């Protein structure tokens, strides 16, 4: 039995179960494009153990620029993804981390992939890699592109999920997100090392500048105007450094997959028939000041899913409000809201 927690106070890292890295390999994986790979690897990290009934899995799906460790501060006793109640597994989606990606050697020749490709691979991971078979996942959670993936799970594999948490979600890539992604590509292509995509030296300057440009869209005008400019520059530089830590083709193909996404596409571009397939309990949790993905899109998800729970967090951090900053008002609000939705004890 796991002890109940009756507080949402953030716990120390020492109380989080140890991380166990995993890798699942799919043979002869075919993408929506019709392209295929002889082997597709999906990486993940696990905190805690599946119980005897295998009904305590909380699967976390990554955002566009995120990897399996990006949600670490949300994981642990008393946190949003509580390891006293769940076995938490955080995945690397196709295209990054320890999952198969262009940086493995194919570069530009790596298949163009979609959010639905990511989900199809994750389903195989859960059913066969984790050996859950047809048993449903207790909780599916994701922010941004992670919410894209979670919604695709709910639509195309409705019987496999009991509850889902959609943070800063939308049901399709917004025009602003598409614009920001296109400018990122333009900036990287200006780097002389890009060499029409056949780079021998990483186009690090272009990637860094692309990340600094993208950062401005992830926060709000108010945040920028109220924060010391030197601090804004430090945060923008950190975002740029994060982009430069990626292989260029790995990063660009990941953002292209996100920027092309639309859950209504397989349903003749009609959203409601897609959402009508959802049977899980769903929490829709946007930030009211998000300008990268639209608040309207989040509201349409909540209105279109029967009995969906809609809540919001108000933060000048905008699209970045989902990221856990221990002690911050937005993180306390998100943690409390998720725990309440999952019927976990709060203070």
Foldseek 3Di string as FASTA:
>chain_A
DFDADFALAQDDPVQWADKDKDKDKDAFQAAPVRDTDRIWIKIKIKTEDQDPLSAAEEEEEEALLDARCQQVSQEDPSHLNYNSRHTYMGIGFPLDDPTDHLVVPVFVNDDQHALVSRLVVVVCCVCPVVVPNQAAHAEYEYEHSSLCNVLLCQQVVQSRYAEYEYEQYFQAFDPLLLVLLVVLVVQLVVQPQCVVRPGPDASLVSQLVSQLSSQVQQFAPVVCVVDDVVVNVVVSNVSSVSSSVDRPSSSSSSSVNRNGGHQCVVVVSDVLVRQVSGDHAYEQEYECRAPRHDPVRSVCSQVSHPNHHYDYHYDRSHSCLCRDDRPDPSSVVSGVVSCVSSVGHHD
